[in-house]
PDB file of N, CA and C in Angstrom:
ATOM      1  N   UNK A   1       0.892  16.246  -4.394  1.00  0.00           N
ATOM      2  CA  UNK A   1       0.743  14.930  -4.407  1.00  0.00           C
ATOM      3  C   UNK A   1       1.867  14.608  -3.332  1.00  0.00           C
ATOM      4  N   UNK A   2       1.797  13.382  -2.616  1.00  0.00           N
ATOM      5  CA  UNK A   2       2.323  12.951  -1.428  1.00  0.00           C
ATOM      6  C   UNK A   2       3.103  11.603  -2.121  1.00  0.00           C
ATOM      7  N   UNK A   3       3.980  11.427  -1.731  1.00  0.00           N
ATOM      8  CA  UNK A   3       4.807   9.991  -2.004  1.00  0.00           C
ATOM      9  C   UNK A   3       5.061   9.360  -0.603  1.00  0.00           C
ATOM     10  N   UNK A   4       4.731   8.365  -0.391  1.00  0.00           N
ATOM     11  CA  UNK A   4       4.584   7.471   0.894  1.00  0.00           C
ATOM     12  C   UNK A   4       5.244   5.907   0.346  1.00  0.00           C
ATOM     13  N   UNK A   5       6.306   5.471   1.334  1.00  0.00           N
ATOM     14  CA  UNK A   5       6.497   3.773   1.565  1.00  0.00           C
ATOM     15  C   UNK A   5       5.783   3.442   2.473  1.00  0.00           C
ATOM     16  N   UNK A   6       5.522   2.284   2.411  1.00  0.00           N
ATOM     17  CA  UNK A   6       4.601   1.806   3.386  1.00  0.00           C
ATOM     18  C   UNK A   6       5.128  -0.081   3.794  1.00  0.00           C
ATOM     19  N   UNK A   7       5.494  -0.254   4.607  1.00  0.00           N
ATOM     20  CA  UNK A   7       6.055  -1.568   4.968  1.00  0.00           C
ATOM     21  C   UNK A   7       4.776  -1.982   5.953  1.00  0.00           C
ATOM     22  N   UNK A   8       4.127  -2.992   5.453  1.00  0.00           N
ATOM     23  CA  UNK A   8       3.139  -3.867   6.405  1.00  0.00           C
ATOM     24  C   UNK A   8       4.136  -5.169   6.257  1.00  0.00           C
ATOM     25  N   UNK A   9       4.350  -5.657   7.855  1.00  0.00           N
ATOM     26  CA  UNK A   9       4.546  -6.994   8.347  1.00  0.00           C
ATOM     27  C   UNK A   9       3.258  -7.863   8.951  1.00  0.00           C
ATOM     28  N   UNK A  10       3.352  -8.670   8.821  1.00  0.00           N
ATOM     29  CA  UNK A  10       2.417  -9.700   9.820  1.00  0.00           C
ATOM     30  C   UNK A  10       1.924 -10.839   8.946  1.00  0.00           C
ATOM     31  N   UNK A  11       0.857 -11.571   8.765  1.00  0.00           N
ATOM     32  CA  UNK A  11       0.676 -12.519   8.227  1.00  0.00           C
ATOM     33  C   UNK A  11      -0.121 -11.790   6.768  1.00  0.00           C
ATOM     34  N   UNK A  12       0.567 -11.257   6.025  1.00  0.00           N
ATOM     35  CA  UNK A  12       0.227 -10.430   5.143  1.00  0.00           C
ATOM     36  C   UNK A  12       0.481 -11.186   3.301  1.00  0.00           C
ATOM     37  N   UNK A  13       1.257 -12.262   3.101  1.00  0.00           N
ATOM     38  CA  UNK A  13       1.324 -12.879   2.052  1.00  0.00           C
ATOM     39  C   UNK A  13       0.620 -13.942   1.508  1.00  0.00           C
ATOM     40  N   UNK A  14       0.077 -14.278   0.688  1.00  0.00           N
ATOM     41  CA  UNK A  14      -0.557 -15.590   0.247  1.00  0.00           C
ATOM     42  C   UNK A  14      -2.037 -15.247   0.649  1.00  0.00           C
ATOM     43  N   UNK A  15      -2.409 -14.248   1.202  1.00  0.00           N
ATOM     44  CA  UNK A  15      -3.454 -14.236   1.560  1.00  0.00           C
ATOM     45  C   UNK A  15      -4.031 -13.052   0.802  1.00  0.00           C
ATOM     46  N   UNK A  16      -4.285 -12.669  -0.504  1.00  0.00           N
ATOM     47  CA  UNK A  16      -4.625 -12.023  -1.213  1.00  0.00           C
ATOM     48  C   UNK A  16      -4.752 -10.091  -1.038  1.00  0.00           C
ATOM     49  N   UNK A  17      -3.787  -9.885  -0.216  1.00  0.00           N
ATOM     50  CA  UNK A  17      -3.431  -8.666   0.157  1.00  0.00           C
ATOM     51  C   UNK A  17      -2.701  -7.339  -1.095  1.00  0.00           C
ATOM     52  N   UNK A  18      -2.167  -8.448  -2.005  1.00  0.00           N
ATOM     53  CA  UNK A  18      -1.220  -7.404  -3.058  1.00  0.00           C
ATOM     54  C   UNK A  18      -2.442  -7.226  -3.814  1.00  0.00           C
ATOM     55  N   UNK A  19      -3.844  -7.813  -4.102  1.00  0.00           N
ATOM     56  CA  UNK A  19      -5.042  -7.683  -4.764  1.00  0.00           C
ATOM     57  C   UNK A  19      -5.684  -6.408  -4.196  1.00  0.00           C
ATOM     58  N   UNK A  20      -5.705  -6.675  -3.000  1.00  0.00           N
ATOM     59  CA  UNK A  20      -6.546  -5.474  -2.219  1.00  0.00           C
ATOM     60  C   UNK A  20      -5.823  -4.639  -1.988  1.00  0.00           C
ATOM     61  N   UNK A  21      -4.392  -4.397  -2.242  1.00  0.00           N
ATOM     62  CA  UNK A  21      -4.050  -2.918  -2.043  1.00  0.00           C
ATOM     63  C   UNK A  21      -4.396  -2.418  -3.582  1.00  0.00           C
ATOM     64  N   UNK A  22      -4.105  -3.522  -4.611  1.00  0.00           N
ATOM     65  CA  UNK A  22      -4.175  -2.710  -5.848  1.00  0.00           C
ATOM     66  C   UNK A  22      -5.512  -2.148  -6.224  1.00  0.00           C
ATOM     67  N   UNK A  23      -6.527  -3.204  -5.620  1.00  0.00           N
ATOM     68  CA  UNK A  23      -7.560  -2.351  -5.823  1.00  0.00           C
ATOM     69  C   UNK A  23      -8.316  -1.207  -5.166  1.00  0.00           C
ATOM     70  N   UNK A  24      -7.816  -0.958  -3.593  1.00  0.00           N
ATOM     71  CA  UNK A  24      -7.983  -0.154  -3.241  1.00  0.00           C
ATOM     72  C   UNK A  24      -7.057   1.507  -3.536  1.00  0.00           C
ATOM     73  N   UNK A  25      -6.129   0.929  -4.358  1.00  0.00           N
ATOM     74  CA  UNK A  25      -5.388   2.605  -4.658  1.00  0.00           C
ATOM     75  C   UNK A  25      -6.529   2.875  -5.986  1.00  0.00           C
ATOM     76  N   UNK A  26      -6.790   1.722  -6.827  1.00  0.00           N
ATOM     77  CA  UNK A  26      -7.538   2.085  -7.927  1.00  0.00           C
ATOM     78  C   UNK A  26      -8.714   3.156  -7.204  1.00  0.00           C
ATOM     79  N   UNK A  27      -9.388   2.740  -6.360  1.00  0.00           N
ATOM     80  CA  UNK A  27     -10.602   3.109  -5.794  1.00  0.00           C
ATOM     81  C   UNK A  27     -10.087   4.650  -5.564  1.00  0.00           C
ATOM     82  N   UNK A  28      -9.171   4.690  -4.826  1.00  0.00           N
ATOM     83  CA  UNK A  28      -8.860   6.083  -4.376  1.00  0.00           C
ATOM     84  C   UNK A  28      -8.368   6.986  -5.296  1.00  0.00           C
ATOM     85  N   UNK A  29      -7.786   6.284  -6.505  1.00  0.00           N
ATOM     86  CA  UNK A  29      -6.879   7.489  -7.712  1.00  0.00           C
ATOM     87  C   UNK A  29      -5.562   7.342  -7.199  1.00  0.00           C
ATOM     88  N   UNK A  30      -4.727   6.253  -6.399  1.00  0.00           N
ATOM     89  CA  UNK A  30      -3.567   6.526  -6.289  1.00  0.00           C
ATOM     90  C   UNK A  30      -2.821   5.443  -7.057  1.00  0.00           C
ATOM     91  N   UNK A  31      -1.567   6.342  -7.095  1.00  0.00           N
ATOM     92  CA  UNK A  31      -0.307   5.106  -8.166  1.00  0.00           C
ATOM     93  C   UNK A  31       0.600   4.781  -7.372  1.00  0.00           C
ATOM     94  N   UNK A  32       1.382   3.784  -8.044  1.00  0.00           N
ATOM     95  CA  UNK A  32       2.506   3.467  -7.069  1.00  0.00           C
ATOM     96  C   UNK A  32       2.342   1.760  -7.393  1.00  0.00           C
ATOM     97  N   UNK A  33       2.779   1.202  -6.755  1.00  0.00           N
ATOM     98  CA  UNK A  33       3.041  -0.659  -6.797  1.00  0.00           C
ATOM     99  C   UNK A  33       2.961  -1.284  -4.954  1.00  0.00           C
ATOM    100  N   UNK A  34       2.787  -2.379  -5.287  1.00  0.00           N
ATOM    101  CA  UNK A  34       2.900  -3.268  -4.045  1.00  0.00           C
ATOM    102  C   UNK A  34       3.717  -4.628  -4.704  1.00  0.00           C
ATOM    103  N   UNK A  35       4.837  -5.130  -3.483  1.00  0.00           N
ATOM    104  CA  UNK A  35       4.843  -6.029  -3.892  1.00  0.00           C
ATOM    105  C   UNK A  35       5.593  -7.355  -2.530  1.00  0.00           C
ATOM    106  N   UNK A  36       5.827  -8.473  -2.922  1.00  0.00           N
ATOM    107  CA  UNK A  36       6.192  -8.940  -1.842  1.00  0.00           C
ATOM    108  C   UNK A  36       7.755  -8.849  -1.220  1.00  0.00           C
ATOM    109  N   UNK A  37       8.150  -9.035   0.124  1.00  0.00           N
ATOM    110  CA  UNK A  37       9.338  -9.024  -0.059  1.00  0.00           C
ATOM    111  C   UNK A  37       9.850 -10.204   0.842  1.00  0.00           C
ATOM    112  N   UNK A  38      10.855 -10.468   0.634  1.00  0.00           N
ATOM    113  CA  UNK A  38      11.839 -11.533   0.838  1.00  0.00           C
ATOM    114  C   UNK A  38      11.598 -12.132   2.608  1.00  0.00           C
ATOM    115  N   UNK A  39      11.463 -10.922   3.718  1.00  0.00           N
ATOM    116  CA  UNK A  39      11.438 -11.540   4.794  1.00  0.00           C
ATOM    117  C   UNK A  39       9.783 -11.479   4.959  1.00  0.00           C
ATOM    118  N   UNK A  40       9.067 -11.791   4.071  1.00  0.00           N
ATOM    119  CA  UNK A  40       7.580 -12.209   4.500  1.00  0.00           C
ATOM    120  C   UNK A  40       6.606 -10.802   4.500  1.00  0.00           C
ATOM    121  N   UNK A  41       7.225 -10.065   4.068  1.00  0.00           N
ATOM    122  CA  UNK A  41       6.592  -8.612   4.443  1.00  0.00           C
ATOM    123  C   UNK A  41       5.761  -7.906   3.161  1.00  0.00           C
ATOM    124  N   UNK A  42       5.295  -7.059   3.069  1.00  0.00           N
ATOM    125  CA  UNK A  42       4.692  -6.194   1.836  1.00  0.00           C
ATOM    126  C   UNK A  42       5.602  -4.817   1.876  1.00  0.00           C
ATOM    127  N   UNK A  43       5.797  -4.310   0.544  1.00  0.00           N
ATOM    128  CA  UNK A  43       5.945  -3.155   0.257  1.00  0.00           C
ATOM    129  C   UNK A  43       5.354  -2.355  -0.149  1.00  0.00           C
ATOM    130  N   UNK A  44       5.032  -1.081  -0.355  1.00  0.00           N
ATOM    131  CA  UNK A  44       3.729  -0.650  -0.886  1.00  0.00           C
ATOM    132  C   UNK A  44       4.295   0.421  -1.113  1.00  0.00           C
ATOM    133  N   UNK A  45       4.545   1.148  -2.304  1.00  0.00           N
ATOM    134  CA  UNK A  45       4.942   2.546  -2.760  1.00  0.00           C
ATOM    135  C   UNK A  45       3.667   3.525  -3.232  1.00  0.00           C
ATOM    136  N   UNK A  46       3.004   4.920  -2.427  1.00  0.00           N
ATOM    137  CA  UNK A  46       2.046   5.435  -3.028  1.00  0.00           C
ATOM    138  C   UNK A  46       2.050   6.715  -3.115  1.00  0.00           C
ATOM    139  N   UNK A  47       1.448   7.001  -4.200  1.00  0.00           N
ATOM    140  CA  UNK A  47       1.588   8.164  -4.665  1.00  0.00           C
ATOM    141  C   UNK A  47       0.022   9.186  -5.038  1.00  0.00           C
ATOM    142  N   UNK A  48      -0.205   9.926  -4.227  1.00  0.00           N
ATOM    143  CA  UNK A  48      -1.555  10.485  -4.212  1.00  0.00           C
ATOM    144  C   UNK A  48      -1.877  11.741  -3.396  1.00  0.00           C
ATOM    145  N   UNK A  49      -3.252  12.167  -3.623  1.00  0.00           N
ATOM    146  CA  UNK A  49      -3.184  13.413  -2.560  1.00  0.00           C
ATOM    147  C   UNK A  49      -3.147  12.989  -0.839  1.00  0.00           C
ATOM    148  N   UNK A  50      -3.018  13.981  -0.619  1.00  0.00           N
ATOM    149  CA  UNK A  50      -3.008  13.569   1.048  1.00  0.00           C
ATOM    150  C   UNK A  50      -3.863  12.415   1.926  1.00  0.00           C
ATOM    151  N   UNK A  51      -5.047  13.341   1.217  1.00  0.00           N
ATOM    152  CA  UNK A  51      -6.065  12.786   2.257  1.00  0.00           C
ATOM    153  C   UNK A  51      -6.621  11.318   1.950  1.00  0.00           C
ATOM    154  N   UNK A  52      -6.073  11.158   0.679  1.00  0.00           N
ATOM    155  CA  UNK A  52      -6.427   9.615  -0.031  1.00  0.00           C
ATOM    156  C   UNK A  52      -5.415   8.567   0.513  1.00  0.00           C
ATOM    157  N   UNK A  53      -4.356   9.018   0.523  1.00  0.00           N
ATOM    158  CA  UNK A  53      -3.388   8.197   0.683  1.00  0.00           C
ATOM    159  C   UNK A  53      -3.989   7.862   2.758  1.00  0.00           C
ATOM    160  N   UNK A  54      -4.064   8.948   3.000  1.00  0.00           N
ATOM    161  CA  UNK A  54      -4.428   8.694   4.764  1.00  0.00           C
ATOM    162  C   UNK A  54      -5.569   7.387   4.522  1.00  0.00           C
ATOM    163  N   UNK A  55      -6.623   7.644   3.375  1.00  0.00           N
ATOM    164  CA  UNK A  55      -7.487   6.828   3.663  1.00  0.00           C
ATOM    165  C   UNK A  55      -7.475   5.296   3.283  1.00  0.00           C
ATOM    166  N   UNK A  56      -6.118   5.465   2.228  1.00  0.00           N
ATOM    167  CA  UNK A  56      -5.496   4.238   1.721  1.00  0.00           C
ATOM    168  C   UNK A  56      -4.725   3.549   2.723  1.00  0.00           C
ATOM    169  N   UNK A  57      -4.161   4.215   3.652  1.00  0.00           N
ATOM    170  CA  UNK A  57      -3.061   3.828   4.730  1.00  0.00           C
ATOM    171  C   UNK A  57      -4.164   2.692   6.118  1.00  0.00           C
ATOM    172  N   UNK A  58      -5.237   3.574   6.194  1.00  0.00           N
ATOM    173  CA  UNK A  58      -6.584   2.912   6.885  1.00  0.00           C
ATOM    174  C   UNK A  58      -6.878   1.711   6.662  1.00  0.00           C
ATOM    175  N   UNK A  59      -7.087   1.413   5.571  1.00  0.00           N
ATOM    176  CA  UNK A  59      -7.461   0.492   4.792  1.00  0.00           C
ATOM    177  C   UNK A  59      -6.619  -0.635   4.873  1.00  0.00           C
ATOM    178  N   UNK A  60      -4.854   0.100   4.463  1.00  0.00           N
ATOM    179  CA  UNK A  60      -4.124  -0.909   4.472  1.00  0.00           C
ATOM    180  C   UNK A  60      -3.569  -2.050   5.867  1.00  0.00           C
ATOM    181  N   UNK A  61      -3.873  -1.084   6.759  1.00  0.00           N
ATOM    182  CA  UNK A  61      -3.683  -1.343   8.264  1.00  0.00           C
ATOM    183  C   UNK A  61      -4.913  -2.486   8.727  1.00  0.00           C
ATOM    184  N   UNK A  62      -5.967  -2.276   8.031  1.00  0.00           N
ATOM    185  CA  UNK A  62      -7.053  -3.512   8.128  1.00  0.00           C
ATOM    186  C   UNK A  62      -6.237  -4.526   7.588  1.00  0.00           C
ATOM    187  N   UNK A  63      -6.356  -4.356   5.931  1.00  0.00           N
ATOM    188  CA  UNK A  63      -6.064  -5.348   5.535  1.00  0.00           C
ATOM    189  C   UNK A  63      -7.106  -6.306   4.970  1.00  0.00           C
ATOM    190  N   UNK A  64      -7.041  -7.265   3.971  1.00  0.00           N
ATOM    191  CA  UNK A  64      -8.187  -8.131   3.368  1.00  0.00           C
ATOM    192  C   UNK A  64      -8.641  -9.134   4.928  1.00  0.00           C
ATOM    193  N   UNK A  65      -9.338  -9.818   4.887  1.00  0.00           N
ATOM    194  CA  UNK A  65      -9.912 -10.315   5.360  1.00  0.00           C
ATOM    195  C   UNK A  65      -9.046 -11.938   6.186  1.00  0.00           C
ATOM    196  N   UNK A  66      -8.453 -12.320   5.465  1.00  0.00           N
ATOM    197  CA  UNK A  66      -7.636 -13.511   5.567  1.00  0.00           C
ATOM    198  C   UNK A  66      -5.887 -12.932   6.425  1.00  0.00           C
ATOM    199  N   UNK A  67      -5.848 -11.692   6.543  1.00  0.00           N
ATOM    200  CA  UNK A  67      -4.741 -10.774   6.688  1.00  0.00           C
ATOM    201  C   UNK A  67      -4.223 -11.091   8.368  1.00  0.00           C
ATOM    202  N   UNK A  68      -3.533 -10.657   8.531  1.00  0.00           N
ATOM    203  CA  UNK A  68      -3.477 -10.380  10.349  1.00  0.00           C
ATOM    204  C   UNK A  68      -2.047  -9.509  10.268  1.00  0.00           C
ATOM    205  N   UNK A  69      -2.258  -8.003   9.962  1.00  0.00           N
ATOM    206  CA  UNK A  69      -1.490  -6.934   9.947  1.00  0.00           C
ATOM    207  C   UNK A  69      -1.073  -7.063  11.264  1.00  0.00           C
ATOM    208  N   UNK A  70       0.415  -7.166  11.832  1.00  0.00           N
ATOM    209  CA  UNK A  70       0.890  -6.894  13.014  1.00  0.00           C
ATOM    210  C   UNK A  70       1.601  -5.246  12.932  1.00  0.00           C
ATOM    211  N   UNK A  71       2.145  -5.068  11.691  1.00  0.00           N
ATOM    212  CA  UNK A  71       3.016  -3.993  12.284  1.00  0.00           C
ATOM    213  C   UNK A  71       2.442  -2.920  10.574  1.00  0.00           C
ATOM    214  N   UNK A  72       2.311  -1.661  10.634  1.00  0.00           N
ATOM    215  CA  UNK A  72       2.309  -1.012   9.341  1.00  0.00           C
ATOM    216  C   UNK A  72       3.484   0.400   9.378  1.00  0.00           C
ATOM    217  N   UNK A  73       4.353   0.412   9.116  1.00  0.00           N
ATOM    218  CA  UNK A  73       5.491   1.438   8.743  1.00  0.00           C
ATOM    219  C   UNK A  73       5.049   2.454   8.105  1.00  0.00           C
ATOM    220  N   UNK A  74       4.827   3.805   7.940  1.00  0.00           N
ATOM    221  CA  UNK A  74       4.675   4.650   7.059  1.00  0.00           C
ATOM    222  C   UNK A  74       5.675   5.658   6.802  1.00  0.00           C
ATOM    223  N   UNK A  75       6.534   6.001   5.728  1.00  0.00           N
ATOM    224  CA  UNK A  75       7.767   6.689   5.617  1.00  0.00           C
ATOM    225  C   UNK A  75       7.130   7.560   4.769  1.00  0.00           C
ATOM    226  N   UNK A  76       6.962   9.200   5.166  1.00  0.00           N
ATOM    227  CA  UNK A  76       6.672   9.890   3.829  1.00  0.00           C
ATOM    228  C   UNK A  76       8.022  10.062   3.259  1.00  0.00           C
ATOM    229  N   UNK A  77       8.461   9.620   1.693  1.00  0.00           N
ATOM    230  CA  UNK A  77       9.532  10.281   1.586  1.00  0.00           C
ATOM    231  C   UNK A  77       9.536  11.619   0.341  1.00  0.00           C
ATOM    232  N   UNK A  78       8.864  12.349   0.286  1.00  0.00           N
ATOM    233  CA  UNK A  78       8.229  13.688  -0.304  1.00  0.00           C
ATOM    234  C   UNK A  78       6.892  14.310  -1.339  1.00  0.00           C
ATOM    235  N   UNK A  79       7.495  14.586  -2.389  1.00  0.00           N
ATOM    236  CA  UNK A  79       6.774  14.989  -3.020  1.00  0.00           C
ATOM    237  C   UNK A  79       6.835  13.809  -3.891  1.00  0.00           C
ATOM    238  N   UNK A  80       5.599  13.629  -5.350  1.00  0.00           N
ATOM    239  CA  UNK A  80       5.555  13.104  -6.588  1.00  0.00           C
ATOM    240  C   UNK A  80       4.701  13.556  -7.541  1.00  0.00           C
ATOM    241  N   UNK A  81       4.962  13.082  -8.599  1.00  0.00           N
ATOM    242  CA  UNK A  81       4.558  13.053  -9.607  1.00  0.00           C
ATOM    243  C   UNK A  81       3.331  12.057  -9.950  1.00  0.00           C
ATOM    244  N   UNK A  82       2.279  11.820 -10.559  1.00  0.00           N
ATOM    245  CA  UNK A  82       1.656  10.859 -10.976  1.00  0.00           C
ATOM    246  C   UNK A  82       2.188   9.903 -11.693  1.00  0.00           C
ATOM    247  N   UNK A  83       2.344   8.444 -11.250  1.00  0.00           N
ATOM    248  CA  UNK A  83       3.280   7.721 -12.116  1.00  0.00           C
ATOM    249  C   UNK A  83       2.539   7.183 -13.047  1.00  0.00           C
ATOM    250  N   UNK A  84       0.851   7.608 -12.803  1.00  0.00           N
ATOM    251  CA  UNK A  84       0.072   6.695 -13.906  1.00  0.00           C
ATOM    252  C   UNK A  84       0.065   5.234 -13.493  1.00  0.00           C
ATOM    253  N   UNK A  85      -0.695   5.130 -12.621  1.00  0.00           N
ATOM    254  CA  UNK A  85      -1.752   3.609 -12.076  1.00  0.00           C
ATOM    255  C   UNK A  85      -0.729   3.614 -11.267  1.00  0.00           C
ATOM    256  N   UNK A  86      -1.107   2.238 -10.679  1.00  0.00           N
ATOM    257  CA  UNK A  86      -0.945   0.969  -9.777  1.00  0.00           C
ATOM    258  C   UNK A  86      -0.847  -0.208 -10.165  1.00  0.00           C
ATOM    259  N   UNK A  87       0.225  -0.857  -9.605  1.00  0.00           N
ATOM    260  CA  UNK A  87       0.688  -2.198 -10.227  1.00  0.00           C
ATOM    261  C   UNK A  87       1.203  -3.116  -9.325  1.00  0.00           C
ATOM    262  N   UNK A  88       1.270  -4.376  -9.465  1.00  0.00           N
ATOM    263  CA  UNK A  88       1.418  -5.375  -8.656  1.00  0.00           C
ATOM    264  C   UNK A  88       2.955  -6.250  -9.150  1.00  0.00           C
ATOM    265  N   UNK A  89       4.053  -5.915  -8.749  1.00  0.00           N
ATOM    266  CA  UNK A  89       5.258  -6.622  -9.064  1.00  0.00           C
ATOM    267  C   UNK A  89       5.478  -7.729  -8.362  1.00  0.00           C
TER     268      UNK A  89
END
């Protein structure tokens, strides 16, 4: 299991992005969290199978229909244990 920190910037707050991330994480069996940051970006911590994480990142790069993703920064932080679900902070 791999652990990623993903920072997404652009028009990503107030457009349903956190629920979009939550729903897609559930579909792919990814655990972790998503939260709004004070600078207008989103932070996602995602733990899961490397192939599933790759699919998740591709979905986050596109985002929900009302969003406009400007930048997706992915940092691999190592290995993780399944945290037991994905939640919105």
